[in-house]
Amino acid sequence: MTTLTLADWQQRARDLRIEGRAFIQGEYTAAAGGGQFDCLSPIDGRLLAQVASCEQADAERAVASARAAFEAGVWARLAPAKRKAVLIRFADLLEANREELALLETLDMGKPIGDSLAVDIPGAARALRWSGEAIDKIYDEVAATPHDQLGLVTREPVGVVAAIVPWNFPLMMACWKLGPALATGNSVVLKPSEKSPLTAIRIAQLAIDAGIPAGVLNVLPGYGHTVGKALALHMDVDTLVFTGSTRVAKQLMIYAGESNMKRVWLEAGGKSPNIVFADAPDLQAAAQAAAGAIAFNQGEVCTAGSRLLVERSIKERFLPLVVEALKAWKPGNPLDPATNVGALVDTQQLNTVLGYIEAGRAAGAQVLIGGQRTLEETGGLYVEPTIFDGVSNAMKIAQEEIFGPVLSVITFDSAEEAVAIANDTPYGLAAAVWTADLSKAHRTARALRAGSVWVNQYDGGDMTAPFGGFKQSGNGRDKSLHAFDKYTELKATWIKL
C-alpha cells in the first residue's frame, strides 16, 4: 500500500522523464525510418511521449541482433544457475523501480495506481523470479534402453522468440513470456502494444543492468500491421508468442504458415461464465466476486467474468446483492490511490464498449446499473460499470468479447443447462463455479470447456498453475513449468555403447 497521495503522484507524473525509443543491441535507438506516434494518456488525453514507430527495417535489425547473441552463446550457453541469478536480479530491479514502473503503467494504460503497485509490478517481478528459480531444477531424461544403448532426451532453447504482448497488463504479460523464454536460453524480440508501450521500453535497460547481454532482449514499439507483421513473417524468428485478440491470433497463424512454419503460441479472447448455483455457500461473497470480476481493470481482462449465470430460484435474492456490490466500483482519477476503476485504454476501446452497451439495449436487455460514459469533463475515457439483465446467451453482448465493464446476467434451471450455456461460446479461457456441493463442483468443472476453472472464488491461482485456453481462446500455456515447453525443443540422442 502506498503512502503517496493524488497530489504526490500528479507531481511525479509532471517530473517523469519518459523514454520512447526502441531498444536494439543493448541501446536505445530511433526507428530506422524516423517514424513516431503520439502516446496519449487515457486519464486526461495528455501527450506522454513520442514513441518510435518501428517497421520492417527495425525488425530486421532486432532479429539479427537476437540471432547473433544466440549463436554466440553469451546467454544460451550460460549455465542455468547463472541465468537464474541474472533473472532474479532483473526481478529485484523491477521491484526497486516499482513506483516509476507503476506510474508509467497507470499513465499509459489508465489503470488505477493502486492496482499497478499491488498487482502489475509485483506480478511481473514474480514471473521473472519464478522462472529463474525453476530453471536449474528442471532435468532432462534418459530413455529406457537395452544395455548396449544410451538414449538421451534433452531440451534446447528454440532460438529467437518474438513476443507480441497486449495492452491491458503490459508489463506483467510481457514478463509471463520473458521469464521462461529467457530462463531457457533464448533471445527475445519484444513488441509491446502501441496502446501501452512504455514499461516494456523502460525495462529493456533494467535487463542490461541486471546482466542480460546486449542483443538477448530487444524491444520494438510500433503497430501490429507493420512491425508485428514483420516479426510474424520473419524467416529467422523460431517461435512467436502472443497474447491479444482472437482475430489477430488467427492472422498470426496465417503469417507463420506463409513464412517458416515458426511455432506459434497464442493466448486469445474469453467470454468467461461465472456460475452461481442456489446452494452457493456465501451469496454475499459470490456477489462481491461477481462485481470485481467485471469491474477490475475496467473489465479489460481476458478472463473477466462477463457472463453471470444465476440459478433461477435465487435470482431475485442474489441479483440485488451484485448491483449493490458494483456500486462500490466507481470510475475516478487513476492517480488517486482511492480509485478502483480507471480509464479505458483509448478512444477506440471507449467507442467499442459504448457500442456494445447500445447493442445490448437494442437487443432488449435491461440496464440495471451504469451504462453511460462518465467524467467527460476530465478529457479522459471513463465508462460506468454496467449490468444487463434479461440477456439471452445468443445476444451479441453474451457472445462477443467486449473488454470493458459490461456484465450480462443469464438464468438457468439445472446444472446441465448451466454447463450448456457456459460452453456455448467460441471461447474457453476461464470459468467459475459457486456451490457447496463438492461433487457438483467437480462434475461441473470437468464439463466446462475452459483452461481455468475456479470454485467458490474468481480468478484464483498463482505462478504454479498453468494459464491458457480451450477452443478459440488459444493454445499453449503461460505460467508454471508447462510454459517452458513453448520455448524449448526436444532432442533425442541415441548412442551405441
Protein backbone atom coordinates (compact mmCIF):
# COMPACT_ATOMS: atom_id res chain seq x y z
CA MET A 1 0.00 0.00 0.00
CA THR A 2 1.41 3.37 -0.99
CA THR A 3 1.54 6.36 1.33
CA LEU A 4 1.69 8.71 -1.66
CA THR A 5 -1.33 10.92 -2.30
CA LEU A 6 -3.03 12.01 -5.51
CA ALA A 7 -1.02 15.24 -5.38
CA ASP A 8 2.21 13.27 -4.94
CA TRP A 9 1.52 11.10 -7.97
CA GLN A 10 0.49 14.10 -10.06
CA GLN A 11 3.79 15.79 -9.21
CA ARG A 12 5.74 12.65 -10.05
CA ALA A 13 3.90 12.46 -13.35
CA ARG A 14 4.96 16.02 -14.16
CA ASP A 15 8.59 15.23 -13.26
CA LEU A 16 8.74 11.89 -15.08
CA ARG A 17 11.17 11.56 -17.97
CA ILE A 18 9.75 9.05 -20.42
CA GLU A 19 11.82 7.04 -22.91
CA GLY A 20 10.07 6.36 -26.19
CA ARG A 21 12.79 4.87 -28.38
CA ALA A 22 13.24 1.27 -29.45
CA PHE A 23 15.89 -0.88 -27.77
CA ILE A 24 18.21 -2.89 -30.06
CA GLN A 25 21.60 -4.45 -29.32
CA GLY A 26 21.69 -3.02 -25.81
CA GLU A 27 20.95 0.59 -26.78
CA TYR A 28 18.01 2.91 -27.20
CA THR A 29 17.61 3.94 -30.80
CA ALA A 30 15.18 5.79 -33.03
CA ALA A 31 13.17 3.81 -35.57
CA ALA A 32 15.16 3.34 -38.77
CA GLY A 33 12.64 5.34 -40.77
CA GLY A 34 12.36 8.05 -38.13
CA GLY A 35 8.67 7.35 -37.57
CA GLN A 36 6.97 8.16 -34.29
CA PHE A 37 3.47 8.09 -32.85
CA ASP A 38 1.84 10.04 -30.04
CA CYS A 39 1.46 8.17 -26.77
CA LEU A 40 -1.60 9.73 -25.12
CA SER A 41 -2.80 9.11 -21.58
CA PRO A 42 -6.42 7.94 -21.31
CA ILE A 43 -6.56 9.65 -17.92
CA ASP A 44 -6.98 13.10 -19.45
CA GLY A 45 -5.71 12.95 -23.02
CA ARG A 46 -2.28 14.43 -22.24
CA LEU A 47 0.66 13.68 -24.54
CA LEU A 48 3.04 11.42 -22.63
CA ALA A 49 5.75 10.88 -25.24
CA GLN A 50 6.62 10.49 -28.87
CA VAL A 51 7.26 6.76 -29.29
CA ALA A 52 9.31 5.11 -32.03
CA SER A 53 7.11 3.54 -34.70
CA CYS A 54 9.18 0.55 -35.75
CA GLU A 55 8.75 -1.16 -39.09
CA GLN A 56 10.35 -3.84 -41.28
CA ALA A 57 13.89 -2.44 -41.12
CA ASP A 58 13.78 -2.33 -37.33
CA ALA A 59 12.52 -5.91 -37.18
CA GLU A 60 15.44 -6.96 -39.38
CA ARG A 61 17.92 -5.24 -37.07
CA ALA A 62 16.40 -6.62 -33.88
CA VAL A 63 16.12 -10.19 -35.14
CA ALA A 64 19.70 -10.06 -36.44
CA SER A 65 20.85 -8.81 -33.04
CA ALA A 66 18.91 -11.55 -31.25
CA ARG A 67 20.23 -14.24 -33.61
CA ALA A 68 23.84 -13.09 -33.24
CA ALA A 69 23.57 -13.17 -29.46
CA PHE A 70 22.01 -16.60 -29.56
CA GLU A 71 24.61 -18.08 -31.88
CA ALA A 72 27.44 -16.53 -29.87
CA GLY A 73 26.16 -18.37 -26.82
CA VAL A 74 26.65 -15.43 -24.46
CA TRP A 75 23.29 -16.28 -22.89
CA ALA A 76 22.15 -19.58 -24.42
CA ARG A 77 25.25 -21.46 -23.27
CA LEU A 78 25.43 -19.83 -19.87
CA ALA A 79 24.93 -22.31 -17.03
CA PRO A 80 21.30 -22.43 -15.87
CA ALA A 81 22.32 -21.35 -12.37
CA LYS A 82 23.95 -18.22 -13.82
CA ARG A 83 20.88 -17.37 -15.91
CA LYS A 84 18.87 -17.87 -12.73
CA ALA A 85 20.97 -15.34 -10.84
CA VAL A 86 20.57 -12.75 -13.59
CA LEU A 87 16.80 -13.20 -13.81
CA ILE A 88 16.49 -12.81 -10.06
CA ARG A 89 18.48 -9.56 -10.28
CA PHE A 90 16.17 -8.47 -13.09
CA ALA A 91 13.16 -9.14 -10.84
CA ASP A 92 14.83 -7.24 -8.00
CA LEU A 93 15.33 -4.24 -10.27
CA LEU A 94 11.66 -4.24 -11.22
CA GLU A 95 10.78 -4.12 -7.55
CA ALA A 96 13.39 -1.44 -6.81
CA ASN A 97 11.83 0.71 -9.56
CA ARG A 98 8.24 -0.26 -8.81
CA GLU A 99 6.90 3.25 -8.25
CA GLU A 100 8.30 4.54 -11.55
CA LEU A 101 7.05 1.47 -13.42
CA ALA A 102 3.64 1.65 -11.76
CA LEU A 103 3.32 5.32 -12.69
CA LEU A 104 4.24 4.57 -16.29
CA GLU A 105 1.68 1.75 -16.41
CA THR A 106 -1.10 3.92 -14.99
CA LEU A 107 -0.38 6.95 -17.17
CA ASP A 108 -0.07 4.82 -20.29
CA MET A 109 -2.94 2.36 -19.86
CA GLY A 110 -5.30 4.11 -17.44
CA LYS A 111 -5.48 1.51 -14.68
CA PRO A 112 -5.61 2.64 -11.02
CA ILE A 113 -2.23 3.34 -9.48
CA GLY A 114 -3.13 1.10 -6.56
CA ASP A 115 -3.51 -1.85 -8.92
CA SER A 116 -0.31 -1.05 -10.78
CA LEU A 117 1.55 -1.06 -7.47
CA ALA A 118 -0.15 -4.05 -5.87
CA VAL A 119 -0.82 -6.30 -8.86
CA ASP A 120 1.06 -5.48 -12.05
CA ILE A 121 4.60 -4.70 -10.94
CA PRO A 122 4.82 -7.38 -8.22
CA GLY A 123 3.24 -9.88 -10.64
CA ALA A 124 5.83 -9.07 -13.30
CA ALA A 125 8.69 -9.46 -10.82
CA ARG A 126 7.27 -12.76 -9.54
CA ALA A 127 7.08 -14.14 -13.06
CA LEU A 128 10.75 -13.40 -13.72
CA ARG A 129 11.88 -14.66 -10.34
CA TRP A 130 9.80 -17.86 -10.50
CA SER A 131 11.16 -18.82 -13.93
CA GLY A 132 14.68 -18.01 -12.84
CA GLU A 133 14.34 -20.10 -9.70
CA ALA A 134 12.94 -23.03 -11.71
CA ILE A 135 15.48 -23.30 -14.50
CA ASP A 136 18.28 -25.05 -12.61
CA LYS A 137 15.80 -27.58 -11.20
CA ILE A 138 14.47 -28.93 -14.49
CA TYR A 139 16.12 -32.20 -15.53
CA ASP A 140 16.41 -33.91 -18.88
CA GLU A 141 15.66 -37.63 -19.38
CA VAL A 142 17.38 -40.94 -20.01
CA ALA A 143 15.30 -43.33 -22.11
CA ALA A 144 14.71 -46.96 -21.16
CA THR A 145 17.18 -48.71 -23.48
CA PRO A 146 18.94 -52.07 -23.99
CA HIS A 147 22.18 -52.50 -22.06
CA ASP A 148 24.31 -51.56 -25.07
CA GLN A 149 22.40 -48.37 -25.97
CA LEU A 150 22.04 -44.97 -24.30
CA GLY A 151 19.09 -42.76 -25.14
CA LEU A 152 19.16 -39.13 -24.04
CA VAL A 153 16.18 -36.79 -24.25
CA THR A 154 17.32 -33.20 -23.84
CA ARG A 155 15.74 -29.77 -24.06
CA GLU A 156 17.34 -26.99 -26.06
CA PRO A 157 16.29 -23.35 -26.48
CA VAL A 158 14.34 -22.74 -29.68
CA GLY A 159 16.49 -19.73 -30.65
CA VAL A 160 14.87 -16.37 -31.43
CA VAL A 161 11.48 -15.69 -29.86
CA ALA A 162 9.19 -12.86 -30.95
CA ALA A 163 6.78 -11.92 -28.16
CA ILE A 164 3.78 -9.74 -29.00
CA VAL A 165 2.02 -8.69 -25.82
CA PRO A 166 -1.25 -6.89 -25.01
CA TRP A 167 -2.11 -3.50 -23.60
CA ASN A 168 -4.23 -4.48 -20.59
CA PHE A 169 -1.46 -5.82 -18.32
CA PRO A 170 1.52 -4.60 -20.34
CA LEU A 171 4.42 -5.42 -18.06
CA MET A 172 3.02 -8.50 -16.35
CA MET A 173 2.05 -10.18 -19.63
CA ALA A 174 5.48 -9.34 -21.05
CA CYS A 175 7.16 -10.99 -18.06
CA TRP A 176 4.95 -14.08 -18.33
CA LYS A 177 6.70 -14.54 -21.70
CA LEU A 178 10.15 -13.18 -20.83
CA GLY A 179 10.57 -15.35 -17.74
CA PRO A 180 10.53 -18.80 -19.35
CA ALA A 181 11.87 -17.58 -22.71
CA LEU A 182 14.99 -16.07 -21.16
CA ALA A 183 15.39 -18.74 -18.49
CA THR A 184 15.65 -21.44 -21.17
CA GLY A 185 18.37 -19.52 -23.02
CA ASN A 186 16.53 -17.88 -25.90
CA SER A 187 16.95 -14.41 -27.33
CA VAL A 188 13.77 -12.32 -27.44
CA VAL A 189 12.33 -9.53 -29.54
CA LEU A 190 9.50 -7.99 -27.53
CA LYS A 191 6.77 -5.99 -29.25
CA PRO A 192 4.53 -4.20 -26.78
CA SER A 193 1.15 -2.88 -27.84
CA GLU A 194 1.23 0.58 -29.35
CA LYS A 195 -1.50 1.43 -26.83
CA SER A 196 0.80 0.87 -23.80
CA PRO A 197 4.50 0.50 -24.74
CA LEU A 198 6.21 2.49 -22.02
CA THR A 199 7.05 -0.10 -19.34
CA ALA A 200 8.43 -2.55 -21.91
CA ILE A 201 10.73 0.15 -23.22
CA ARG A 202 11.85 1.04 -19.70
CA ILE A 203 12.66 -2.49 -18.53
CA ALA A 204 14.96 -3.10 -21.51
CA GLN A 205 17.64 -1.02 -19.76
CA LEU A 206 16.91 -2.76 -16.46
CA ALA A 207 17.61 -6.07 -18.18
CA ILE A 208 21.04 -4.83 -19.21
CA ASP A 209 21.64 -3.53 -15.70
CA ALA A 210 20.76 -6.98 -14.35
CA GLY A 211 23.38 -8.62 -16.56
CA ILE A 212 21.44 -9.83 -19.60
CA PRO A 213 23.86 -9.44 -22.54
CA ALA A 214 23.19 -6.94 -25.32
CA GLY A 215 21.08 -8.45 -28.09
CA VAL A 216 19.37 -11.02 -25.90
CA LEU A 217 16.39 -8.71 -25.25
CA ASN A 218 15.30 -6.19 -27.86
CA VAL A 219 12.13 -4.07 -27.67
CA LEU A 220 10.29 -2.78 -30.75
CA PRO A 221 7.34 -0.43 -30.15
CA GLY A 222 5.05 0.10 -33.11
CA TYR A 223 1.88 -1.08 -34.78
CA GLY A 224 0.76 -4.64 -35.29
CA HIS A 225 0.22 -4.24 -39.03
CA THR A 226 3.80 -3.00 -39.50
CA VAL A 227 6.42 -4.30 -37.08
CA GLY A 228 4.17 -7.00 -35.63
CA LYS A 229 3.52 -8.39 -39.09
CA ALA A 230 7.22 -8.14 -39.95
CA LEU A 231 8.13 -10.27 -36.94
CA ALA A 232 5.40 -12.82 -37.64
CA LEU A 233 6.59 -13.23 -41.23
CA HIS A 234 10.31 -13.16 -40.41
CA MET A 235 12.17 -16.23 -41.63
CA ASP A 236 14.65 -16.12 -38.75
CA VAL A 237 12.14 -15.99 -35.89
CA ASP A 238 11.81 -19.52 -34.49
CA THR A 239 8.85 -19.04 -32.17
CA LEU A 240 6.10 -16.44 -31.93
CA VAL A 241 4.19 -16.00 -28.66
CA PHE A 242 1.17 -13.74 -28.45
CA THR A 243 -1.49 -12.51 -26.06
CA GLY A 244 -4.33 -10.50 -27.54
CA SER A 245 -7.49 -10.81 -29.59
CA THR A 246 -8.65 -13.98 -31.31
CA ARG A 247 -8.87 -12.10 -34.62
CA VAL A 248 -5.19 -11.15 -34.53
CA ALA A 249 -4.21 -14.59 -33.24
CA LYS A 250 -5.73 -16.21 -36.32
CA GLN A 251 -3.85 -13.81 -38.59
CA LEU A 252 -0.55 -14.62 -36.89
CA MET A 253 -1.10 -18.32 -37.56
CA ILE A 254 -1.50 -17.49 -41.24
CA TYR A 255 1.71 -15.45 -41.25
CA ALA A 256 3.59 -18.33 -39.63
CA GLY A 257 2.37 -20.69 -42.33
CA GLU A 258 3.29 -18.23 -45.05
CA SER A 259 6.84 -17.91 -43.74
CA ASN A 260 8.96 -20.53 -41.99
CA MET A 261 6.32 -22.52 -40.08
CA LYS A 262 7.54 -20.92 -36.88
CA ARG A 263 5.90 -22.28 -33.77
CA VAL A 264 3.00 -20.06 -32.69
CA TRP A 265 1.62 -20.00 -29.17
CA LEU A 266 -1.49 -17.93 -28.57
CA GLU A 267 -3.48 -16.69 -25.59
CA ALA A 268 -6.54 -15.03 -27.06
CA GLY A 269 -10.00 -13.86 -26.07
CA GLY A 270 -12.51 -15.00 -23.49
CA LYS A 271 -16.18 -14.78 -22.54
CA SER A 272 -15.93 -16.38 -19.14
CA PRO A 273 -19.01 -17.74 -17.34
CA ASN A 274 -19.36 -17.16 -13.60
CA ILE A 275 -21.89 -19.79 -12.48
CA VAL A 276 -23.74 -19.29 -9.19
CA PHE A 277 -25.82 -22.25 -8.02
CA ALA A 278 -28.61 -21.96 -5.48
CA ASP A 279 -26.50 -23.80 -2.91
CA ALA A 280 -23.56 -21.38 -3.15
CA PRO A 281 -22.04 -21.27 0.36
CA ASP A 282 -21.96 -17.47 0.62
CA LEU A 283 -24.11 -15.40 -1.71
CA GLN A 284 -22.67 -12.14 -0.42
CA ALA A 285 -19.12 -13.31 -1.24
CA ALA A 286 -20.31 -14.51 -4.65
CA ALA A 287 -21.88 -11.11 -5.34
CA GLN A 288 -18.73 -9.24 -4.32
CA ALA A 289 -16.66 -11.52 -6.54
CA ALA A 290 -19.05 -11.09 -9.48
CA ALA A 291 -18.74 -7.31 -9.24
CA GLY A 292 -14.96 -7.43 -9.03
CA ALA A 293 -14.76 -9.96 -11.86
CA ILE A 294 -16.25 -7.45 -14.30
CA ALA A 295 -15.06 -4.11 -12.88
CA PHE A 296 -11.42 -4.86 -12.02
CA ASN A 297 -9.06 -3.29 -14.55
CA GLN A 298 -12.13 -1.63 -16.11
CA GLY A 299 -13.21 -5.03 -17.40
CA GLU A 300 -10.21 -5.02 -19.73
CA VAL A 301 -9.28 -8.54 -18.70
CA CYS A 302 -9.29 -11.64 -20.90
CA THR A 303 -10.72 -13.67 -18.01
CA ALA A 304 -13.31 -11.07 -16.97
CA GLY A 305 -16.41 -12.77 -15.62
CA SER A 306 -18.57 -11.15 -18.26
CA ARG A 307 -21.40 -13.72 -18.18
CA LEU A 308 -23.04 -14.19 -14.78
CA LEU A 309 -25.09 -17.39 -14.84
CA VAL A 310 -27.53 -17.44 -11.91
CA GLU A 311 -29.81 -20.28 -10.89
CA ARG A 312 -33.37 -19.02 -11.32
CA SER A 313 -34.51 -19.90 -7.80
CA ILE A 314 -32.09 -17.39 -6.20
CA LYS A 315 -32.02 -14.69 -8.84
CA GLU A 316 -34.40 -12.28 -7.07
CA ARG A 317 -32.36 -12.58 -3.89
CA PHE A 318 -28.90 -12.64 -5.46
CA LEU A 319 -29.01 -10.05 -8.23
CA PRO A 320 -29.66 -7.05 -5.92
CA LEU A 321 -26.53 -8.08 -3.99
CA VAL A 322 -24.49 -7.87 -7.20
CA VAL A 323 -25.94 -4.48 -8.10
CA GLU A 324 -25.15 -3.17 -4.62
CA ALA A 325 -21.62 -4.61 -4.76
CA LEU A 326 -20.97 -2.95 -8.12
CA LYS A 327 -21.84 0.45 -6.67
CA ALA A 328 -18.53 0.34 -4.82
CA TRP A 329 -16.65 0.23 -8.13
CA LYS A 330 -16.59 3.86 -9.25
CA PRO A 331 -14.55 5.42 -12.06
CA GLY A 332 -12.13 8.06 -10.86
CA ASN A 333 -8.71 9.58 -11.42
CA PRO A 334 -6.33 6.62 -11.78
CA LEU A 335 -3.59 8.55 -9.98
CA ASP A 336 -5.74 8.72 -6.86
CA PRO A 337 -4.84 5.74 -4.61
CA ALA A 338 -8.53 5.52 -3.60
CA THR A 339 -9.69 4.87 -7.19
CA ASN A 340 -10.64 1.29 -8.09
CA VAL A 341 -11.91 1.84 -11.68
CA GLY A 342 -9.72 3.78 -14.07
CA ALA A 343 -9.94 4.89 -17.68
CA LEU A 344 -10.39 2.73 -20.76
CA VAL A 345 -7.17 2.49 -22.73
CA ASP A 346 -8.05 4.71 -25.71
CA THR A 347 -10.86 6.28 -27.69
CA GLN A 348 -11.24 3.23 -29.91
CA GLN A 349 -11.86 0.99 -26.90
CA LEU A 350 -14.22 3.55 -25.36
CA ASN A 351 -16.30 3.57 -28.53
CA THR A 352 -16.24 -0.23 -28.69
CA VAL A 353 -17.57 -0.58 -25.16
CA LEU A 354 -20.25 2.09 -25.65
CA GLY A 355 -21.23 0.37 -28.90
CA TYR A 356 -21.79 -2.94 -27.09
CA ILE A 357 -23.88 -1.19 -24.44
CA GLU A 358 -26.09 0.22 -27.17
CA ALA A 359 -26.28 -3.22 -28.82
CA GLY A 360 -27.46 -4.72 -25.54
CA ARG A 361 -30.19 -2.11 -25.20
CA ALA A 362 -31.23 -2.62 -28.83
CA ALA A 363 -31.49 -6.38 -28.28
CA GLY A 364 -33.92 -5.86 -25.41
CA ALA A 365 -31.65 -6.42 -22.41
CA GLN A 366 -32.31 -4.16 -19.41
CA VAL A 367 -29.64 -1.97 -17.81
CA LEU A 368 -29.74 -2.39 -14.03
CA ILE A 369 -26.85 -0.07 -13.26
CA GLY A 370 -24.38 2.04 -15.24
CA GLY A 371 -24.45 2.11 -19.00
CA GLN A 372 -23.09 5.60 -19.54
CA ARG A 373 -19.86 7.41 -20.25
CA THR A 374 -18.77 9.48 -17.26
CA LEU A 375 -16.19 12.10 -16.20
CA GLU A 376 -16.08 13.56 -19.72
CA GLU A 377 -15.06 16.93 -18.29
CA THR A 378 -11.65 15.46 -17.39
CA GLY A 379 -10.80 14.74 -21.02
CA GLY A 380 -10.43 11.10 -20.01
CA LEU A 381 -12.08 7.90 -21.19
CA TYR A 382 -14.36 6.54 -18.47
CA VAL A 383 -17.41 4.25 -18.56
CA GLU A 384 -19.65 3.28 -15.67
CA PRO A 385 -19.59 -0.43 -14.76
CA THR A 386 -22.75 -1.85 -16.26
CA ILE A 387 -25.08 -4.79 -15.60
CA PHE A 388 -27.54 -6.11 -18.18
CA ASP A 389 -30.41 -8.36 -17.08
CA GLY A 390 -32.73 -10.29 -19.35
CA VAL A 391 -29.85 -11.45 -21.52
CA SER A 392 -30.12 -14.40 -23.87
CA ASN A 393 -26.87 -16.25 -24.47
CA ALA A 394 -27.45 -15.73 -28.19
CA MET A 395 -27.21 -11.94 -27.85
CA LYS A 396 -24.13 -10.15 -29.14
CA ILE A 397 -23.23 -8.91 -25.66
CA ALA A 398 -23.18 -12.53 -24.42
CA GLN A 399 -21.23 -13.99 -27.33
CA GLU A 400 -18.54 -11.42 -28.15
CA GLU A 401 -15.65 -10.24 -26.01
CA ILE A 402 -16.37 -6.64 -25.00
CA PHE A 403 -13.21 -5.94 -22.98
CA GLY A 404 -14.96 -3.44 -20.79
CA PRO A 405 -17.01 -3.32 -17.56
CA VAL A 406 -20.20 -4.81 -19.01
CA LEU A 407 -21.85 -7.80 -17.30
CA SER A 408 -24.57 -9.99 -18.83
CA VAL A 409 -26.88 -11.85 -16.43
CA ILE A 410 -28.32 -15.15 -17.69
CA THR A 411 -30.56 -17.52 -15.72
CA PHE A 412 -30.57 -21.33 -15.70
CA ASP A 413 -32.63 -24.08 -14.08
CA SER A 414 -30.24 -27.05 -13.85
CA ALA A 415 -26.55 -27.87 -13.75
CA GLU A 416 -26.82 -29.38 -17.21
CA GLU A 417 -28.34 -26.19 -18.62
CA ALA A 418 -25.68 -24.06 -16.88
CA VAL A 419 -22.88 -26.08 -18.49
CA ALA A 420 -24.57 -25.94 -21.90
CA ILE A 421 -24.88 -22.15 -21.70
CA ALA A 422 -21.36 -21.76 -20.35
CA ASN A 423 -19.85 -23.80 -23.18
CA ASP A 424 -21.97 -22.13 -25.88
CA THR A 425 -19.32 -19.62 -26.94
CA PRO A 426 -16.30 -19.70 -29.25
CA TYR A 427 -14.04 -19.14 -26.25
CA GLY A 428 -12.78 -21.35 -23.46
CA LEU A 429 -10.40 -19.38 -21.29
CA ALA A 430 -11.84 -19.45 -17.79
CA ALA A 431 -14.94 -20.14 -15.69
CA ALA A 432 -16.07 -20.10 -12.07
CA VAL A 433 -18.49 -22.29 -10.12
CA TRP A 434 -20.15 -21.41 -6.81
CA THR A 435 -21.63 -24.36 -4.90
CA ALA A 436 -21.39 -26.04 -1.50
CA ASP A 437 -21.70 -29.47 -3.14
CA LEU A 438 -18.20 -30.82 -3.74
CA SER A 439 -19.39 -33.46 -6.19
CA LYS A 440 -21.34 -30.89 -8.18
CA ALA A 441 -18.28 -28.63 -8.24
CA HIS A 442 -16.10 -31.42 -9.63
CA ARG A 443 -18.68 -32.58 -12.17
CA THR A 444 -19.27 -29.04 -13.41
CA ALA A 445 -15.57 -28.19 -13.56
CA ARG A 446 -14.91 -31.31 -15.65
CA ALA A 447 -17.75 -30.48 -18.03
CA LEU A 448 -16.67 -26.88 -18.62
CA ARG A 449 -14.52 -26.35 -21.71
CA ALA A 450 -12.15 -23.85 -20.14
CA GLY A 451 -8.45 -23.72 -19.35
CA SER A 452 -9.01 -22.47 -15.80
CA VAL A 453 -11.96 -23.24 -13.51
CA TRP A 454 -12.28 -21.57 -10.10
CA VAL A 455 -14.54 -22.93 -7.38
CA ASN A 456 -16.11 -20.59 -4.80
CA GLN A 457 -13.81 -17.77 -5.88
CA TYR A 458 -12.97 -15.83 -9.00
CA ASP A 459 -9.50 -15.60 -10.59
CA GLY A 460 -7.58 -17.95 -8.33
CA GLY A 461 -4.13 -19.39 -8.94
CA ASP A 462 -0.51 -18.29 -8.91
CA MET A 463 2.69 -18.94 -10.87
CA THR A 464 2.49 -22.67 -10.16
CA ALA A 465 -0.73 -23.09 -12.17
CA PRO A 466 -0.76 -23.07 -16.00
CA PHE A 467 -2.81 -20.39 -17.74
CA GLY A 468 -4.33 -20.65 -21.19
CA GLY A 469 -7.46 -21.60 -23.06
CA PHE A 470 -9.51 -24.13 -24.97
CA LYS A 471 -11.12 -23.53 -28.36
CA GLN A 472 -10.61 -20.03 -29.80
CA SER A 473 -9.03 -18.80 -26.59
CA GLY A 474 -5.73 -20.14 -27.88
CA ASN A 475 -3.16 -22.86 -27.30
CA GLY A 476 -0.15 -23.46 -25.09
CA ARG A 477 0.15 -22.25 -21.53
CA ASP A 478 1.73 -19.34 -19.68
CA LYS A 479 2.94 -19.72 -16.09
CA SER A 480 4.01 -22.95 -14.35
CA LEU A 481 6.59 -25.43 -15.65
CA HIS A 482 4.31 -26.11 -18.62
CA ALA A 483 5.24 -22.70 -20.04
CA PHE A 484 8.79 -23.89 -20.61
CA ASP A 485 7.55 -26.29 -23.30
CA LYS A 486 6.87 -23.34 -25.63
CA TYR A 487 10.45 -22.14 -25.56
CA THR A 488 12.36 -25.41 -25.91
CA GLU A 489 12.92 -28.12 -28.49
CA LEU A 490 13.18 -31.79 -27.55
CA LYS A 491 16.18 -33.63 -28.92
CA ALA A 492 16.67 -37.43 -28.84
CA THR A 493 20.31 -38.59 -28.91
CA TRP A 494 20.76 -42.36 -29.33
CA ILE A 495 24.20 -43.78 -28.59
CA LYS A 496 25.51 -47.28 -29.26
CA LEU A 497 27.83 -48.24 -26.43
